Amino acid sequence: MDLDLTEEQEMLREAMAGLCADAAESVRALENDSRGFDDGFWSQLVAMGLTGLMIPEEHGGSAMGLLDATIVYEELGRSLVPSPHFVSSVVSAGVLQAGGSADQQAEWLPRIAAGEVILTPACLEPDNGTGPSGVQLAAVSDGDDVVLTGVKRHVAFASSADRLIVSAREPAGVSLFLVDPSATGVTLTQQLTVASDTQYRIDLEGVRVPTADRIGAPGTGWDTWHTAMLDAVVLVAAQAIGAAEASHTLATEYAKIRHQFDKPIGSFQSIGHYLADGIAAIDGGRVLVHQAAWTSDQGRDTATLAPMAKLFATQTCRDVAATTVQIHGGLGFTVECDAQLYFRRAKSWQLNWYDDTHLEDLIAAELLDGGA
């Protein structure tokens, strides 16, 4: 694996870094906002072709590889600028590519690539895990329709979504459905989260969905979901590495300017060692993330590498961000200090999009019985 970025990839990083820097002021303003993202930033992502990041050219996308996408996501993590890009252009587009019919792909992928619509997954349920057994929302066939009843939580940017991708349990197993959030029986309630990002609880009470809006055959939903998630978790990992590096920079700069006993606190061995451990973990995590992305781009199996990358990168981000808060002392716990922004996002990334328990289950299954 060649770890050097190409000239085009370096240009992509620079362009993305500049775009995120221009939008950085929106981070605090959009916390707990009902919509949660800035139209100007979204329009610039569209103009750069990034809303079609990994969507095939035949559907109007940019057809970039996963390694290219990690570069974009490291910068998104570094800046913390919010957008529905991940839920729509990555996860939802990935689900449609993995399991959608030709008609569904033709209807939605070009519009996702153009930034005209936003799709978001509704998969997590109250008190249930992130694995297939956590999907218990009922789907009951009724003529040409399927009736959905149950609750989903932590649905990102649901108030802006044109469609929800809802996981539900049929007799055949887990299935995925395209659901109009304005349909009768759908109720959206905004949630306050540790990350202060835009998430919603979705209540579905007897929501009728045409069988034509099922993604794939009955019972194939989890395989489709997992296929899309193997690439998606690598980008969560990339985002976490970018955030960890930005957080580490905050800690390093503060350790240079904060003095105690007439010397910078960075000169104390304990602080210096914390910073050394942090940068070692960040660099190791980036290699793991890039290896997972490169392996996917080569068409090879990432059943172990992708969960490993997400598990290690999000833990690294959480640990580095916590150390940054501690190095800042009492200041680090205040809302005025950026250190707490990174810590809260780090914990959210660790809990969402396959939590640590499910990631460890996936890795252990590959080690012990080949994924069976």
Protein backbone atom coordinates (compact mmCIF):
# COMPACT_ATOMS: atom_id res chain seq x y z
CA MET A 1 0.00 0.00 0.00
CA ASP A 2 1.35 3.41 -1.02
CA LEU A 3 0.68 5.88 1.80
CA ASP A 4 1.66 8.94 -0.23
CA LEU A 5 -1.26 11.01 -1.50
CA THR A 6 -1.40 11.82 -5.19
CA GLU A 7 -1.23 15.40 -6.42
CA GLU A 8 -4.98 15.31 -7.04
CA GLN A 9 -5.63 14.06 -3.52
CA GLU A 10 -3.48 16.83 -2.04
CA MET A 11 -5.47 19.36 -4.05
CA LEU A 12 -8.69 17.81 -2.76
CA ARG A 13 -7.45 18.13 0.83
CA GLU A 14 -6.48 21.76 0.35
CA ALA A 15 -9.80 22.62 -1.28
CA MET A 16 -11.78 20.87 1.43
CA ALA A 17 -9.72 22.48 4.20
CA GLY A 18 -10.38 25.92 2.74
CA LEU A 19 -14.08 25.24 2.39
CA CYS A 20 -14.35 24.03 5.99
CA ALA A 21 -12.32 26.97 7.31
CA ASP A 22 -14.74 29.39 5.67
CA ALA A 23 -17.68 27.63 7.33
CA ALA A 24 -16.09 27.15 10.76
CA GLU A 25 -18.10 29.94 12.39
CA SER A 26 -21.31 27.97 11.80
CA VAL A 27 -20.30 25.12 14.14
CA ARG A 28 -21.47 26.74 17.37
CA ALA A 29 -24.38 28.58 15.77
CA LEU A 30 -25.88 25.32 14.50
CA GLU A 31 -25.71 23.37 17.76
CA ASN A 32 -29.19 22.09 18.68
CA ASP A 33 -30.57 23.84 15.60
CA SER A 34 -33.74 22.21 14.26
CA ARG A 35 -32.30 22.06 10.74
CA GLY A 36 -28.67 21.72 11.66
CA PHE A 37 -26.72 22.74 8.57
CA ASP A 38 -25.88 25.78 6.48
CA ASP A 39 -27.27 26.14 2.94
CA GLY A 40 -24.15 27.96 1.77
CA PHE A 41 -21.82 25.16 2.86
CA TRP A 42 -24.14 22.58 1.30
CA SER A 43 -24.19 24.51 -1.98
CA GLN A 44 -20.39 24.54 -2.04
CA LEU A 45 -20.28 20.78 -1.49
CA VAL A 46 -22.64 20.47 -4.46
CA ALA A 47 -20.49 22.78 -6.60
CA MET A 48 -17.39 20.68 -5.84
CA GLY A 49 -19.20 17.49 -6.82
CA LEU A 50 -18.88 16.12 -3.31
CA THR A 51 -22.55 15.36 -2.76
CA GLY A 52 -22.01 12.67 -5.39
CA LEU A 53 -18.70 11.68 -3.81
CA MET A 54 -18.79 7.90 -4.37
CA ILE A 55 -21.90 7.67 -6.53
CA PRO A 56 -21.19 6.19 -9.99
CA GLU A 57 -20.89 8.54 -12.95
CA GLU A 58 -23.88 6.88 -14.63
CA HIS A 59 -26.01 8.36 -11.85
CA GLY A 60 -24.39 11.78 -11.97
CA GLY A 61 -21.82 11.14 -9.26
CA SER A 62 -18.09 11.82 -9.01
CA ALA A 63 -17.18 8.12 -8.65
CA MET A 64 -14.36 8.82 -6.19
CA GLY A 65 -12.75 6.00 -4.24
CA LEU A 66 -13.05 5.45 -0.51
CA LEU A 67 -9.48 6.68 0.03
CA ASP A 68 -10.41 9.97 -1.67
CA ALA A 69 -13.44 10.15 0.61
CA THR A 70 -11.30 9.70 3.74
CA ILE A 71 -9.45 12.88 2.79
CA VAL A 72 -12.74 14.77 2.66
CA TYR A 73 -13.85 13.31 5.98
CA GLU A 74 -10.63 14.02 7.82
CA GLU A 75 -11.20 17.70 7.01
CA LEU A 76 -14.86 17.52 8.05
CA GLY A 77 -13.73 16.03 11.36
CA ARG A 78 -11.01 18.60 11.83
CA SER A 79 -13.47 21.47 11.39
CA LEU A 80 -16.62 19.87 12.91
CA VAL A 81 -18.74 21.70 10.30
CA PRO A 82 -22.13 19.92 10.30
CA SER A 83 -23.91 18.72 7.17
CA PRO A 84 -26.19 15.83 6.12
CA HIS A 85 -23.50 14.63 3.71
CA PHE A 86 -22.72 11.46 5.64
CA VAL A 87 -26.31 10.29 6.10
CA SER A 88 -27.38 11.13 2.56
CA SER A 89 -24.41 10.98 0.18
CA VAL A 90 -22.62 8.14 2.00
CA VAL A 91 -24.98 5.88 3.96
CA SER A 92 -28.25 6.30 2.05
CA ALA A 93 -26.55 6.35 -1.34
CA GLY A 94 -24.55 3.29 -0.30
CA VAL A 95 -27.71 1.42 0.71
CA LEU A 96 -29.37 2.21 -2.63
CA GLN A 97 -26.29 1.12 -4.56
CA ALA A 98 -26.03 -2.10 -2.55
CA GLY A 99 -29.67 -3.15 -2.61
CA GLY A 100 -31.88 -0.72 -4.50
CA SER A 101 -33.76 -1.65 -7.63
CA ALA A 102 -32.85 -0.09 -10.97
CA ASP A 103 -35.88 2.19 -10.67
CA GLN A 104 -34.98 3.26 -7.12
CA GLN A 105 -31.39 3.98 -8.12
CA ALA A 106 -32.50 5.96 -11.18
CA GLU A 107 -34.97 7.97 -9.12
CA TRP A 108 -32.83 8.83 -6.11
CA LEU A 109 -29.09 8.55 -6.82
CA PRO A 110 -28.89 11.38 -9.41
CA ARG A 111 -30.85 13.66 -7.09
CA ILE A 112 -28.64 12.79 -4.12
CA ALA A 113 -25.55 13.44 -6.26
CA ALA A 114 -26.95 16.83 -7.31
CA GLY A 115 -27.73 17.76 -3.70
CA GLU A 116 -31.40 18.17 -4.62
CA VAL A 117 -32.68 15.73 -2.01
CA ILE A 118 -31.56 14.44 1.38
CA LEU A 119 -32.14 10.88 2.54
CA THR A 120 -31.36 9.71 6.06
CA PRO A 121 -31.39 6.28 7.73
CA ALA A 122 -33.72 5.52 10.66
CA CYS A 123 -32.26 2.35 12.12
CA LEU A 124 -31.59 2.70 15.87
CA GLU A 125 -34.38 1.83 18.32
CA PRO A 126 -34.86 2.62 22.02
CA ASP A 127 -32.89 0.28 24.29
CA ASN A 128 -31.79 -1.90 21.36
CA GLY A 129 -28.27 -2.45 20.04
CA THR A 130 -26.75 -1.56 16.68
CA GLY A 131 -26.71 -5.17 15.42
CA PRO A 132 -29.48 -6.97 13.49
CA SER A 133 -31.25 -8.12 16.68
CA GLY A 134 -31.76 -4.45 17.54
CA VAL A 135 -34.24 -4.06 14.66
CA GLN A 136 -37.66 -4.83 16.12
CA LEU A 137 -39.93 -2.23 14.47
CA ALA A 138 -42.83 -4.23 13.02
CA ALA A 139 -43.56 -4.47 9.30
CA VAL A 140 -46.87 -6.18 8.49
CA SER A 141 -47.99 -6.88 4.91
CA ASP A 142 -51.44 -5.59 3.96
CA GLY A 143 -52.30 -6.01 0.30
CA ASP A 144 -49.93 -3.95 -1.84
CA ASP A 145 -48.65 -2.10 1.21
CA VAL A 146 -46.53 -2.79 4.27
CA VAL A 147 -47.63 -1.21 7.55
CA LEU A 148 -44.85 0.03 9.85
CA THR A 149 -45.30 0.55 13.60
CA GLY A 150 -42.57 1.39 16.09
CA VAL A 151 -39.99 3.96 17.18
CA LYS A 152 -36.59 5.03 15.84
CA ARG A 153 -34.16 7.33 17.61
CA HIS A 154 -31.08 9.37 16.75
CA VAL A 155 -32.20 9.99 13.18
CA ALA A 156 -29.89 12.70 11.84
CA PHE A 157 -31.29 15.68 9.89
CA ALA A 158 -34.74 14.08 9.73
CA SER A 159 -36.47 17.47 9.49
CA SER A 160 -34.71 18.10 6.17
CA ALA A 161 -35.11 14.60 4.75
CA ASP A 162 -37.11 13.86 1.62
CA ARG A 163 -37.10 10.18 2.53
CA LEU A 164 -36.21 8.07 5.55
CA ILE A 165 -34.59 4.67 5.08
CA VAL A 166 -36.35 2.71 7.82
CA SER A 167 -35.26 -0.73 8.97
CA ALA A 168 -38.08 -3.03 10.07
CA ARG A 169 -38.65 -6.69 10.87
CA GLU A 170 -40.76 -8.87 8.60
CA PRO A 171 -41.30 -12.64 8.95
CA ALA A 172 -38.44 -13.13 6.46
CA GLY A 173 -36.08 -10.96 8.54
CA VAL A 174 -34.89 -7.34 8.47
CA SER A 175 -36.05 -5.22 5.51
CA LEU A 176 -35.42 -1.61 4.51
CA PHE A 177 -38.11 0.81 3.32
CA LEU A 178 -38.15 4.27 1.77
CA VAL A 179 -40.59 6.27 3.92
CA ASP A 180 -41.87 9.80 3.32
CA PRO A 181 -41.38 11.70 6.63
CA SER A 182 -44.54 13.69 5.89
CA ALA A 183 -46.67 10.53 5.55
CA THR A 184 -49.67 9.97 7.81
CA GLY A 185 -48.57 8.35 11.07
CA VAL A 186 -45.01 9.70 11.08
CA THR A 187 -44.08 12.03 13.96
CA LEU A 188 -40.72 13.77 14.33
CA THR A 189 -39.49 14.97 17.74
CA GLN A 190 -36.11 16.67 18.07
CA GLN A 191 -33.71 15.12 20.60
CA LEU A 192 -31.02 16.84 22.62
CA THR A 193 -27.81 14.82 22.40
CA VAL A 194 -24.32 14.84 23.87
CA ALA A 195 -23.01 16.21 20.57
CA SER A 196 -25.71 18.93 20.35
CA ASP A 197 -26.15 17.93 16.71
CA THR A 198 -29.49 17.60 14.92
CA GLN A 199 -31.14 14.28 15.70
CA TYR A 200 -34.78 13.23 15.88
CA ARG A 201 -36.98 10.57 17.40
CA ILE A 202 -39.31 9.10 14.77
CA ASP A 203 -42.62 7.57 15.84
CA LEU A 204 -44.35 5.45 13.19
CA GLU A 205 -47.97 4.57 13.91
CA GLY A 206 -49.51 2.39 11.24
CA VAL A 207 -47.53 4.02 8.43
CA ARG A 208 -48.48 2.53 5.07
CA VAL A 209 -45.61 2.05 2.62
CA PRO A 210 -46.03 0.62 -0.90
CA THR A 211 -44.13 -2.64 -1.37
CA ALA A 212 -42.41 -0.94 -4.33
CA ASP A 213 -40.62 1.20 -1.72
CA ARG A 214 -38.99 -1.80 -0.08
CA ILE A 215 -35.26 -1.80 -0.85
CA GLY A 216 -34.48 -5.30 -2.08
CA ALA A 217 -36.35 -8.51 -1.34
CA PRO A 218 -38.00 -9.16 2.06
CA GLY A 219 -35.43 -10.12 4.68
CA THR A 220 -32.37 -8.89 2.75
CA GLY A 221 -32.21 -5.53 4.50
CA TRP A 222 -29.50 -6.30 7.01
CA ASP A 223 -27.07 -7.64 4.40
CA THR A 224 -27.67 -4.48 2.35
CA TRP A 225 -27.24 -2.28 5.40
CA HIS A 226 -24.03 -3.99 6.49
CA THR A 227 -22.53 -3.78 3.00
CA ALA A 228 -23.08 -0.02 2.98
CA MET A 229 -21.86 0.36 6.55
CA LEU A 230 -18.49 -1.27 5.92
CA ASP A 231 -17.50 1.75 3.81
CA ALA A 232 -19.43 4.21 5.99
CA VAL A 233 -17.67 3.30 9.24
CA VAL A 234 -14.30 3.91 7.57
CA LEU A 235 -15.41 7.49 6.94
CA VAL A 236 -16.59 7.88 10.55
CA ALA A 237 -13.10 6.71 11.49
CA ALA A 238 -11.52 9.25 9.13
CA GLN A 239 -13.66 12.00 10.64
CA ALA A 240 -12.54 10.94 14.12
CA ILE A 241 -8.86 11.00 13.13
CA GLY A 242 -9.22 14.51 11.70
CA ALA A 243 -10.94 15.68 14.88
CA ALA A 244 -8.35 13.98 17.07
CA GLU A 245 -5.54 15.76 15.23
CA ALA A 246 -7.26 19.13 15.56
CA SER A 247 -7.91 18.51 19.25
CA HIS A 248 -4.28 17.46 19.76
CA THR A 249 -3.13 20.70 18.11
CA LEU A 250 -5.24 22.68 20.60
CA ALA A 251 -3.61 20.82 23.48
CA THR A 252 -0.10 21.26 22.09
CA GLU A 253 -0.48 24.99 21.53
CA TYR A 254 -1.97 25.51 24.97
CA ALA A 255 0.86 23.49 26.58
CA LYS A 256 3.31 25.91 24.98
CA ILE A 257 1.69 29.14 26.16
CA ARG A 258 0.29 28.15 29.58
CA HIS A 259 2.94 28.70 32.24
CA GLN A 260 3.24 27.36 35.76
CA PHE A 261 6.27 27.67 38.02
CA ASP A 262 7.77 30.05 35.43
CA LYS A 263 7.83 27.47 32.65
CA PRO A 264 5.38 26.22 29.99
CA ILE A 265 3.35 23.24 31.20
CA GLY A 266 4.44 21.31 28.12
CA SER A 267 7.91 21.11 29.66
CA PHE A 268 6.56 18.88 32.44
CA GLN A 269 7.16 15.22 31.63
CA SER A 270 3.60 14.09 32.33
CA ILE A 271 2.12 16.60 29.87
CA GLY A 272 4.77 15.88 27.26
CA HIS A 273 4.14 12.14 27.50
CA TYR A 274 0.38 12.60 27.12
CA LEU A 275 1.00 14.56 23.93
CA ALA A 276 3.48 11.96 22.66
CA ASP A 277 1.04 9.12 23.28
CA GLY A 278 -1.72 11.07 21.54
CA ILE A 279 0.16 11.79 18.33
CA ALA A 280 1.42 8.19 18.15
CA ALA A 281 -2.16 6.91 18.37
CA ILE A 282 -3.38 9.44 15.79
CA ASP A 283 -0.71 8.50 13.26
CA GLY A 284 -1.35 4.80 13.83
CA GLY A 285 -5.07 5.33 13.46
CA ARG A 286 -4.65 7.21 10.19
CA VAL A 287 -2.62 4.34 8.73
CA LEU A 288 -5.34 1.88 9.75
CA VAL A 289 -8.07 4.07 8.24
CA HIS A 290 -6.17 4.54 4.98
CA GLN A 291 -5.40 0.83 4.82
CA ALA A 292 -9.10 -0.01 5.20
CA ALA A 293 -10.04 2.52 2.52
CA TRP A 294 -7.31 1.36 0.13
CA THR A 295 -8.33 -2.28 0.65
CA SER A 296 -11.94 -1.43 -0.21
CA ASP A 297 -10.84 0.45 -3.33
CA GLN A 298 -8.92 -2.66 -4.40
CA GLY A 299 -12.12 -4.69 -4.21
CA ARG A 300 -10.84 -6.71 -1.27
CA ASP A 301 -12.70 -7.78 1.86
CA THR A 302 -12.82 -5.22 4.69
CA ALA A 303 -14.96 -7.26 7.10
CA THR A 304 -12.22 -6.99 9.75
CA LEU A 305 -10.34 -3.85 8.73
CA ALA A 306 -13.35 -1.52 8.58
CA PRO A 307 -14.63 -2.33 12.10
CA MET A 308 -11.05 -2.17 13.42
CA ALA A 309 -10.57 1.28 11.90
CA LYS A 310 -13.77 2.66 13.41
CA LEU A 311 -13.16 1.05 16.81
CA PHE A 312 -9.58 2.32 17.09
CA ALA A 313 -10.09 5.77 15.55
CA THR A 314 -13.12 6.75 17.62
CA GLN A 315 -11.47 5.53 20.84
CA THR A 316 -8.35 7.49 19.92
CA CYS A 317 -10.42 10.60 19.27
CA ARG A 318 -12.23 10.21 22.58
CA ASP A 319 -8.96 9.71 24.51
CA VAL A 320 -7.12 12.58 22.81
CA ALA A 321 -10.07 14.94 23.26
CA ALA A 322 -10.32 14.02 26.95
CA THR A 323 -6.61 14.73 27.38
CA THR A 324 -7.04 18.07 25.63
CA VAL A 325 -9.76 19.01 28.11
CA GLN A 326 -7.53 17.98 31.04
CA ILE A 327 -4.52 19.93 29.74
CA HIS A 328 -6.70 23.03 29.53
CA GLY A 329 -7.69 22.53 33.17
CA GLY A 330 -10.90 24.19 34.31
CA LEU A 331 -11.05 26.18 31.08
CA GLY A 332 -11.41 22.97 29.09
CA PHE A 333 -14.81 22.21 30.62
CA THR A 334 -16.36 25.56 29.68
CA VAL A 335 -18.54 26.07 26.61
CA GLU A 336 -16.27 28.93 25.51
CA CYS A 337 -13.37 26.52 24.97
CA ASP A 338 -13.23 24.48 21.76
CA ALA A 339 -11.77 21.49 23.65
CA GLN A 340 -15.20 20.37 24.83
CA LEU A 341 -16.60 20.51 21.28
CA TYR A 342 -14.22 17.78 20.17
CA PHE A 343 -14.84 15.66 23.25
CA ARG A 344 -18.62 15.69 22.78
CA ARG A 345 -18.40 14.85 19.08
CA ALA A 346 -15.89 12.09 19.80
CA LYS A 347 -18.24 10.38 22.21
CA SER A 348 -21.13 10.64 19.76
CA TRP A 349 -19.10 9.05 16.94
CA GLN A 350 -18.12 6.25 19.30
CA LEU A 351 -21.74 5.50 20.20
CA ASN A 352 -23.29 5.78 16.74
CA TRP A 353 -22.91 3.97 13.38
CA TYR A 354 -22.04 0.64 14.99
CA ASP A 355 -21.10 1.04 18.63
CA ASP A 356 -17.99 -0.51 20.19
CA THR A 357 -19.83 -3.66 21.31
CA HIS A 358 -21.05 -4.45 17.80
CA LEU A 359 -17.67 -3.62 16.26
CA GLU A 360 -15.95 -5.97 18.69
CA ASP A 361 -18.52 -8.67 17.87
CA LEU A 362 -17.77 -8.28 14.15
CA ILE A 363 -14.00 -8.44 14.64
CA ALA A 364 -14.26 -11.41 17.00
CA ALA A 365 -16.52 -13.29 14.59
CA GLU A 366 -13.97 -12.87 11.79
CA LEU A 367 -11.16 -14.02 14.07
CA LEU A 368 -12.92 -17.00 15.61
CA ASP A 369 -15.16 -18.41 12.90
CA GLY A 370 -14.58 -16.51 9.68
CA GLY A 371 -17.52 -14.19 10.15
CA ALA A 372 -20.15 -16.89 10.66
